[in-house]
């Protein structure tokens, strides 16, 4: 069993930066992938980024490429989402998730992830 806890959300101005952290309790296995999703009221959960736990292979949504970076610290069982050049449309509740890695093409699918954090609010003011 894996439990995930996000931190680092908050209020930031347009163009600013935030770093989200996702601390995992319980063991994250080498074959896992950690994903980041976000959701705004009335909309479906949207894929943001993902990173494989062993080699650190990453994937990003087109909307965040070049601005967001996913990383992980295996020793600390913690994943990170570095968000730069933030825009108001990035405002959402951000969730981290963990699951078994199947293929690169499935990293963006919420159904792949078995464990989810409680979410952290990110608000970008105009």
Protein backbone atom coordinates (compact mmCIF):
# COMPACT_ATOMS: atom_id res chain seq x y z
CA UNK A 1 0.00 0.00 0.00
CA UNK A 2 1.27 3.43 -0.93
CA UNK A 3 0.08 6.73 0.50
CA UNK A 4 0.85 10.00 -1.24
CA UNK A 5 0.85 13.50 0.19
CA UNK A 6 1.26 16.63 -1.92
CA UNK A 7 2.62 19.91 -0.66
CA UNK A 8 3.83 23.19 -2.07
CA UNK A 9 0.67 24.63 -3.55
CA UNK A 10 -0.33 28.24 -3.03
CA UNK A 11 -0.99 31.59 -4.62
CA UNK A 12 1.45 33.01 -7.14
CA UNK A 13 1.41 35.79 -9.69
CA UNK A 14 1.47 35.22 -13.43
CA UNK A 15 4.99 34.37 -14.52
CA UNK A 16 5.91 33.05 -11.11
CA UNK A 17 7.11 29.63 -10.02
CA UNK A 18 6.07 26.94 -7.59
CA UNK A 19 7.47 23.55 -6.69
CA UNK A 20 5.08 20.82 -5.69
CA UNK A 21 6.28 17.81 -3.75
CA UNK A 22 4.68 14.39 -3.47
CA UNK A 23 5.92 12.35 -0.54
CA UNK A 24 5.23 8.64 -0.67
CA UNK A 25 4.90 6.48 2.40
CA UNK A 26 5.30 2.81 1.76
CA UNK A 27 7.69 1.63 -0.88
CA UNK A 28 7.67 2.99 -4.39
CA UNK A 29 9.00 0.20 -6.55
CA UNK A 30 11.41 0.64 -9.43
CA UNK A 31 8.68 -0.30 -11.88
CA UNK A 32 6.40 2.51 -10.78
CA UNK A 33 5.52 5.73 -12.51
CA UNK A 34 4.54 8.91 -10.69
CA UNK A 35 2.08 11.15 -12.43
CA UNK A 36 0.77 14.65 -11.89
CA UNK A 37 -2.78 15.61 -12.80
CA UNK A 38 -4.85 18.71 -12.24
CA UNK A 39 -8.53 19.45 -12.02
CA UNK A 40 -10.72 22.54 -11.99
CA UNK A 41 -14.39 22.62 -10.98
CA UNK A 42 -16.67 21.14 -13.58
CA UNK A 43 -13.84 19.69 -15.63
CA UNK A 44 -12.28 16.26 -15.87
CA UNK A 45 -8.95 15.53 -14.32
CA UNK A 46 -6.20 16.48 -16.76
CA UNK A 47 -2.78 14.91 -17.21
CA UNK A 48 0.13 17.25 -16.55
CA UNK A 49 3.35 15.26 -16.26
CA UNK A 50 4.77 11.89 -15.30
CA UNK A 51 8.12 10.34 -14.46
CA UNK A 52 9.22 6.72 -14.23
CA UNK A 53 10.71 5.90 -10.89
CA UNK A 54 13.68 3.87 -12.13
CA UNK A 55 15.31 5.78 -15.00
CA UNK A 56 13.41 9.04 -14.68
CA UNK A 57 11.85 9.02 -18.11
CA UNK A 58 9.36 11.89 -18.35
CA UNK A 59 6.24 12.83 -20.24
CA UNK A 60 4.40 16.13 -20.34
CA UNK A 61 1.14 17.56 -21.55
CA UNK A 62 1.61 19.95 -24.46
CA UNK A 63 0.19 22.77 -22.38
CA UNK A 64 3.07 22.61 -19.89
CA UNK A 65 6.02 21.53 -22.03
CA UNK A 66 8.97 23.83 -21.57
CA UNK A 67 7.49 25.30 -18.38
CA UNK A 68 7.04 22.35 -16.03
CA UNK A 69 9.61 19.74 -15.05
CA UNK A 70 9.03 16.50 -13.18
CA UNK A 71 11.77 15.01 -11.05
CA UNK A 72 12.14 12.53 -8.23
CA UNK A 73 14.40 11.73 -5.33
CA UNK A 74 14.38 7.97 -4.93
CA UNK A 75 16.15 8.08 -1.59
CA UNK A 76 13.45 10.34 -0.16
CA UNK A 77 10.56 8.57 -1.93
CA UNK A 78 9.48 11.99 -3.13
CA UNK A 79 8.50 13.31 -6.52
CA UNK A 80 8.50 16.93 -7.56
CA UNK A 81 6.77 19.12 -10.09
CA UNK A 82 8.68 22.29 -10.83
CA UNK A 83 6.33 24.84 -12.37
CA UNK A 84 7.71 27.95 -14.05
CA UNK A 85 6.16 30.75 -16.10
CA UNK A 86 2.83 30.06 -14.50
CA UNK A 87 -0.34 31.28 -16.16
CA UNK A 88 -3.84 31.84 -14.75
CA UNK A 89 -5.03 28.81 -16.72
CA UNK A 90 -2.65 26.66 -14.66
CA UNK A 91 -4.84 27.32 -11.61
CA UNK A 92 -6.26 24.01 -10.38
CA UNK A 93 -6.06 21.37 -7.71
CA UNK A 94 -2.96 19.34 -8.46
CA UNK A 95 -2.81 15.65 -7.64
CA UNK A 96 0.08 13.26 -7.66
CA UNK A 97 -0.48 9.60 -8.36
CA UNK A 98 1.53 6.39 -8.50
CA UNK A 99 1.07 3.17 -10.38
CA UNK A 100 2.87 0.41 -12.23
CA UNK A 101 4.57 1.55 -15.40
CA UNK A 102 3.19 -0.22 -18.45
CA UNK A 103 4.32 1.80 -21.45
CA UNK A 104 5.17 5.36 -22.34
CA UNK A 105 1.87 5.73 -24.17
CA UNK A 106 -0.11 4.99 -20.99
CA UNK A 107 1.67 7.42 -18.67
CA UNK A 108 -0.98 10.07 -19.30
CA UNK A 109 -3.94 7.86 -18.46
CA UNK A 110 -5.46 8.29 -15.01
CA UNK A 111 -6.65 4.68 -15.02
CA UNK A 112 -3.03 3.48 -14.87
CA UNK A 113 -2.53 4.97 -11.43
CA UNK A 114 -3.57 3.03 -8.35
CA UNK A 115 -2.68 5.52 -5.64
CA UNK A 116 -3.62 9.19 -5.40
CA UNK A 117 -2.80 12.06 -3.10
CA UNK A 118 -5.34 14.41 -1.61
CA UNK A 119 -4.47 17.30 -3.90
CA UNK A 120 -3.00 20.74 -3.39
CA UNK A 121 -4.45 24.00 -4.67
CA UNK A 122 -2.46 26.15 -7.08
CA UNK A 123 -3.82 29.59 -7.86
CA UNK A 124 -2.17 31.89 -10.38
CA UNK A 125 -3.36 35.47 -10.24
CA UNK A 126 -3.53 37.57 -13.38
